[in-house]
């Protein structure tokens, strides 16, 4: 059930016996309070991600990140002081039947009332994508999830991107795309009116998600991609490896990369883009 995905997949084999849903829910606010719950709440508050009257579609891929996100959002609805609604949606892009069954089984065990719908995206990217199908797949998935969320009357779409995704995306853009661009905690959809994307797990580290999933005894889906496994791997693995090597000599490297997006010094960069327009520092040089 392994494969290659846009976020970089890793097979997680649970080391613990499967816990009951009550034990799992309790562990989020008790055992893993500092690592998961506190950081989740901080991101929600810092970036005002959940507001009164929201109807939020939580995207479930079946992987470790989205399963945790679903449980965090359920706990927020129970313990939070904001009134909002939840929908849980999972897109079946062309999974093998066993993959689909595992997704359904995990959601049933975790008491996540998910709506699963088919999209056939795997067939499209297998035909159109070349060596690197992950970018096209991610864009198509996002559009499909937005459309389904809109159909269900939602105004927000929640995704399970975490702290390490933010760091890796920043480095991918710097090293491979030649720009400085990070993964934002929330953004308005350009193609779906009155829709907003939110990332409530923005501060949660991937290692702690793995620990939680192992504790739960759940076997999450990896990317389950039927296309990328036949093509060349993606660059995110290389970035993960690079950051791992850098950490050997500088333990704070991840924090520095993350914070760099908050501390951009516009007086010391060659150029930037604003609303699609490119600006050079020379444009304002004589006025300084």
Protein backbone atom coordinates (compact mmCIF):
# COMPACT_ATOMS: atom_id res chain seq x y z
CA UNK A 1 0.00 0.00 0.00
CA UNK A 2 2.97 2.30 -0.33
CA UNK A 3 3.62 4.81 -3.06
CA UNK A 4 4.92 8.25 -3.83
CA UNK A 5 2.86 11.34 -3.12
CA UNK A 6 3.14 15.09 -3.27
CA UNK A 7 3.89 15.27 0.44
CA UNK A 8 6.38 12.41 0.50
CA UNK A 9 4.99 9.10 1.76
CA UNK A 10 6.37 6.80 4.37
CA UNK A 11 4.97 3.43 5.40
CA UNK A 12 3.81 3.51 9.02
CA UNK A 13 3.43 0.11 10.63
CA UNK A 14 1.66 0.42 13.99
CA UNK A 15 3.64 -0.96 16.93
CA UNK A 16 0.71 -0.87 19.38
CA UNK A 17 -2.59 -2.71 19.57
CA UNK A 18 -5.51 -0.79 18.13
CA UNK A 19 -7.01 1.53 20.75
CA UNK A 20 -10.70 2.25 21.15
CA UNK A 21 -12.01 5.55 19.78
CA UNK A 22 -12.56 6.79 23.35
CA UNK A 23 -8.93 6.07 24.24
CA UNK A 24 -7.78 7.81 21.07
CA UNK A 25 -9.90 10.89 21.73
CA UNK A 26 -8.74 11.07 25.34
CA UNK A 27 -5.09 10.82 24.30
CA UNK A 28 -5.38 13.91 22.09
CA UNK A 29 -6.30 16.20 24.99
CA UNK A 30 -4.37 14.29 27.67
CA UNK A 31 -1.35 12.17 26.59
CA UNK A 32 -0.50 14.27 23.52
CA UNK A 33 -1.86 17.57 24.80
CA UNK A 34 1.45 19.46 24.52
CA UNK A 35 2.52 17.95 21.18
CA UNK A 36 -0.84 18.00 19.38
CA UNK A 37 -3.78 19.69 21.08
CA UNK A 38 -1.98 22.81 22.37
CA UNK A 39 -0.28 23.45 19.02
CA UNK A 40 -3.53 22.88 17.15
CA UNK A 41 -5.38 25.38 19.34
CA UNK A 42 -2.54 27.90 19.02
CA UNK A 43 -2.70 27.80 15.20
CA UNK A 44 -6.50 28.11 15.23
CA UNK A 45 -6.26 31.18 17.47
CA UNK A 46 -3.16 32.78 15.95
CA UNK A 47 -4.60 32.75 12.44
CA UNK A 48 -8.32 32.93 13.31
CA UNK A 49 -9.00 29.74 11.35
CA UNK A 50 -12.39 28.80 12.83
CA UNK A 51 -15.13 31.37 13.25
CA UNK A 52 -18.69 31.46 14.49
CA UNK A 53 -21.10 30.01 11.93
CA UNK A 54 -18.45 28.33 9.77
CA UNK A 55 -19.25 25.12 7.95
CA UNK A 56 -15.93 23.40 7.44
CA UNK A 57 -15.22 20.50 5.09
CA UNK A 58 -12.38 18.39 6.49
CA UNK A 59 -10.54 16.59 3.68
CA UNK A 60 -9.75 12.97 4.52
CA UNK A 61 -7.09 11.26 2.42
CA UNK A 62 -6.88 8.38 4.88
CA UNK A 63 -3.26 9.17 5.72
CA UNK A 64 -1.93 9.86 9.21
CA UNK A 65 -2.24 13.65 8.91
CA UNK A 66 -5.85 13.83 7.77
CA UNK A 67 -7.02 11.23 10.30
CA UNK A 68 -5.53 13.28 13.11
CA UNK A 69 -6.99 16.48 11.67
CA UNK A 70 -10.46 14.94 11.65
CA UNK A 71 -10.20 13.96 15.32
CA UNK A 72 -8.78 17.37 16.29
CA UNK A 73 -11.67 19.14 14.58
CA UNK A 74 -14.19 16.87 16.30
CA UNK A 75 -12.58 17.60 19.67
CA UNK A 76 -12.62 21.35 18.92
CA UNK A 77 -16.34 21.18 18.22
CA UNK A 78 -16.89 19.45 21.57
CA UNK A 79 -14.52 21.46 23.75
CA UNK A 80 -14.31 24.79 21.92
CA UNK A 81 -16.43 27.90 22.51
CA UNK A 82 -17.18 28.63 18.85
CA UNK A 83 -20.29 27.28 17.15
CA UNK A 84 -19.47 25.70 13.77
CA UNK A 85 -20.40 22.72 11.62
CA UNK A 86 -18.27 19.94 10.16
CA UNK A 87 -18.42 17.80 7.03
CA UNK A 88 -15.87 15.07 6.36
CA UNK A 89 -15.11 14.37 2.71
CA UNK A 90 -12.83 11.84 1.07
CA UNK A 91 -12.11 11.72 -2.63
CA UNK A 92 -11.52 8.33 -4.23
CA UNK A 93 -9.24 9.20 -7.18
CA UNK A 94 -9.15 5.58 -8.35
CA UNK A 95 -8.01 3.54 -5.37
CA UNK A 96 -7.54 -0.20 -5.45
CA UNK A 97 -10.51 -1.83 -3.70
CA UNK A 98 -8.36 -2.83 -0.70
CA UNK A 99 -7.20 0.75 -0.25
CA UNK A 100 -10.80 1.97 -0.32
CA UNK A 101 -11.76 -0.66 2.26
CA UNK A 102 -8.94 0.41 4.59
CA UNK A 103 -10.04 4.04 4.34
CA UNK A 104 -13.62 3.07 5.20
CA UNK A 105 -12.52 0.79 8.03
CA UNK A 106 -10.32 3.44 9.66
CA UNK A 107 -12.99 6.13 9.46
CA UNK A 108 -15.58 3.75 10.92
CA UNK A 109 -13.29 2.81 13.81
CA UNK A 110 -12.48 6.48 14.52
CA UNK A 111 -16.17 7.44 14.24
CA UNK A 112 -15.53 9.89 11.43
CA UNK A 113 -18.77 10.18 9.40
CA UNK A 114 -17.07 10.57 6.04
CA UNK A 115 -18.63 11.11 2.62
CA UNK A 116 -16.55 9.27 0.01
CA UNK A 117 -16.95 10.17 -3.64
CA UNK A 118 -15.17 9.09 -6.84
CA UNK A 119 -13.23 11.42 -9.12
CA UNK A 120 -11.12 9.27 -11.49
CA UNK A 121 -8.12 11.62 -11.13
CA UNK A 122 -5.57 8.80 -11.31
CA UNK A 123 -6.68 7.99 -14.87
CA UNK A 124 -6.26 11.61 -15.94
CA UNK A 125 -2.79 12.16 -14.49
CA UNK A 126 -1.57 8.77 -15.74
CA UNK A 127 -2.37 9.98 -19.25
CA UNK A 128 -1.26 13.62 -18.98
CA UNK A 129 1.57 13.77 -16.44
CA UNK A 130 5.13 12.97 -17.40
CA UNK A 131 7.89 12.16 -14.92
CA UNK A 132 6.41 14.22 -12.07
CA UNK A 133 2.66 13.61 -11.69
CA UNK A 134 2.40 14.82 -8.08
CA UNK A 135 1.99 18.54 -8.82
CA UNK A 136 -0.85 18.00 -11.30
CA UNK A 137 -2.47 15.48 -8.98
CA UNK A 138 -2.36 17.89 -6.03
CA UNK A 139 -3.96 20.68 -8.06
CA UNK A 140 -6.71 18.43 -9.36
CA UNK A 141 -7.39 17.00 -5.91
CA UNK A 142 -7.64 20.50 -4.45
CA UNK A 143 -10.12 21.61 -7.10
CA UNK A 144 -12.23 18.49 -6.63
CA UNK A 145 -12.31 18.92 -2.84
CA UNK A 146 -13.25 22.60 -3.17
CA UNK A 147 -16.11 21.69 -5.50
CA UNK A 148 -17.41 18.98 -3.15
CA UNK A 149 -17.15 21.28 -0.14
CA UNK A 150 -19.06 23.97 -2.01
CA UNK A 151 -21.72 21.42 -2.99
CA UNK A 152 -22.18 20.57 0.70
CA UNK A 153 -22.66 24.23 1.61
CA UNK A 154 -19.27 24.71 3.27
CA UNK A 155 -17.34 27.96 3.35
CA UNK A 156 -13.99 26.46 4.38
CA UNK A 157 -11.86 23.48 3.41
CA UNK A 158 -9.47 22.13 6.07
CA UNK A 159 -6.33 20.26 5.00
CA UNK A 160 -3.89 18.25 7.11
CA UNK A 161 -0.64 20.00 6.20
CA UNK A 162 1.70 20.25 9.18
CA UNK A 163 4.81 22.13 10.38
CA UNK A 164 7.25 20.03 8.36
CA UNK A 165 5.19 20.45 5.19
CA UNK A 166 5.57 24.21 5.60
CA UNK A 167 9.34 23.95 6.01
CA UNK A 168 9.78 21.56 3.09
CA UNK A 169 7.60 23.67 0.80
CA UNK A 170 9.66 26.76 1.60
CA UNK A 171 12.89 24.93 0.77
CA UNK A 172 11.43 23.35 -2.39
CA UNK A 173 10.58 26.80 -3.68
CA UNK A 174 13.99 28.27 -2.83
CA UNK A 175 16.07 25.40 -4.22
CA UNK A 176 14.00 24.18 -7.16
CA UNK A 177 11.63 26.99 -8.17
CA UNK A 178 13.96 29.94 -7.58
CA UNK A 179 11.50 31.90 -5.46
CA UNK A 180 10.71 32.48 -1.81
CA UNK A 181 7.19 31.27 -1.15
CA UNK A 182 5.80 29.35 1.78
CA UNK A 183 2.65 27.39 2.63
CA UNK A 184 0.18 29.75 4.29
CA UNK A 185 -2.06 28.82 7.25
CA UNK A 186 -5.10 30.10 5.38
CA UNK A 187 -5.89 31.55 1.97
CA UNK A 188 -8.91 32.49 -0.08
CA UNK A 189 -9.70 30.34 -3.08
CA UNK A 190 -9.01 31.99 -6.42
CA UNK A 191 -11.51 29.80 -8.30
CA UNK A 192 -14.30 29.15 -5.78
CA UNK A 193 -16.10 32.24 -4.56
CA UNK A 194 -16.43 32.66 -0.78
CA UNK A 195 -14.33 29.57 -0.12
CA UNK A 196 -11.29 29.56 2.13
CA UNK A 197 -8.60 26.95 2.72
CA UNK A 198 -7.32 26.46 6.27
CA UNK A 199 -4.44 24.43 7.75
CA UNK A 200 -5.14 23.95 11.49
CA UNK A 201 -2.14 21.61 11.99
CA UNK A 202 0.29 24.35 10.93
CA UNK A 203 2.36 24.10 14.13
CA UNK A 204 2.24 20.31 14.64
CA UNK A 205 5.45 18.40 13.93
CA UNK A 206 5.31 15.26 11.80
CA UNK A 207 7.23 13.10 14.30
CA UNK A 208 4.51 13.70 16.88
CA UNK A 209 1.82 12.73 14.39
CA UNK A 210 3.66 9.45 13.80
CA UNK A 211 3.87 8.80 17.54
CA UNK A 212 0.16 9.43 17.92
CA UNK A 213 -0.78 7.12 15.04
CA UNK A 214 1.48 4.38 16.40
CA UNK A 215 -0.19 4.76 19.80
CA UNK A 216 -3.61 4.43 18.15
CA UNK A 217 -2.58 1.16 16.52
CA UNK A 218 -4.05 2.32 13.21
CA UNK A 219 -2.58 1.42 9.83
CA UNK A 220 -3.11 4.64 7.83
CA UNK A 221 -3.12 4.90 4.06
CA UNK A 222 0.08 6.08 2.49
CA UNK A 223 -0.42 7.97 -0.74
CA UNK A 224 -1.84 4.81 -2.37
CA UNK A 225 -1.01 6.36 -5.72
CA UNK A 226 -1.47 4.09 -8.71
CA UNK A 227 0.42 6.50 -10.98
CA UNK A 228 3.47 7.98 -9.26
CA UNK A 229 4.75 4.55 -8.25
CA UNK A 230 5.35 3.93 -11.96
CA UNK A 231 7.19 7.22 -12.51
CA UNK A 232 10.15 9.08 -11.07
CA UNK A 233 10.04 10.05 -7.39
CA UNK A 234 9.46 13.60 -6.26
CA UNK A 235 11.85 16.20 -4.85
CA UNK A 236 10.25 16.37 -1.41
CA UNK A 237 12.17 13.26 -0.36
CA UNK A 238 15.40 15.01 -1.26
CA UNK A 239 14.43 18.06 0.80
CA UNK A 240 13.55 15.83 3.77
CA UNK A 241 16.98 14.23 3.52
CA UNK A 242 18.72 17.60 3.22
CA UNK A 243 17.00 19.00 6.32
CA UNK A 244 17.81 15.82 8.23
CA UNK A 245 21.50 16.26 7.39
CA UNK A 246 21.45 19.94 8.36
CA UNK A 247 19.93 19.05 11.73
CA UNK A 248 22.99 16.99 12.60
CA UNK A 249 25.01 20.19 13.02
CA UNK A 250 22.21 22.69 13.73
CA UNK A 251 19.24 21.40 15.70
CA UNK A 252 17.31 24.64 15.23
CA UNK A 253 17.38 24.60 11.44
CA UNK A 254 13.67 23.72 11.08
CA UNK A 255 12.60 26.59 13.31
CA UNK A 256 14.84 28.99 11.38
CA UNK A 257 13.35 27.96 8.04
CA UNK A 258 9.82 28.24 9.42
CA UNK A 259 10.44 31.67 10.97
CA UNK A 260 12.15 33.03 7.84
CA UNK A 261 8.75 33.54 6.21
CA UNK A 262 7.76 35.83 9.09
CA UNK A 263 10.98 37.82 8.96
CA UNK A 264 11.46 38.78 5.32
CA UNK A 265 13.48 42.01 5.16
CA UNK A 266 12.14 43.84 2.11
CA UNK A 267 15.02 46.31 2.31
CA UNK A 268 17.49 43.52 1.58
CA UNK A 269 15.97 41.56 -1.30
CA UNK A 270 16.33 42.08 -5.05
CA UNK A 271 12.68 41.84 -5.95
CA UNK A 272 9.24 40.68 -4.98
CA UNK A 273 5.77 40.12 -6.39
CA UNK A 274 2.61 41.87 -5.25
CA UNK A 275 -0.77 40.96 -6.78
CA UNK A 276 1.03 39.26 -9.65
CA UNK A 277 3.16 42.31 -10.46
CA UNK A 278 6.95 41.98 -10.18
CA UNK A 279 8.78 44.76 -8.36
CA UNK A 280 12.55 45.37 -8.41
CA UNK A 281 14.38 46.99 -5.52
CA UNK A 282 15.83 49.34 -8.16
CA UNK A 283 12.35 50.79 -8.71
CA UNK A 284 12.58 52.42 -5.30
CA UNK A 285 16.35 52.71 -5.03
CA UNK A 286 16.66 56.46 -5.79
CA UNK A 287 13.88 57.30 -3.35
CA UNK A 288 15.67 55.72 -0.40
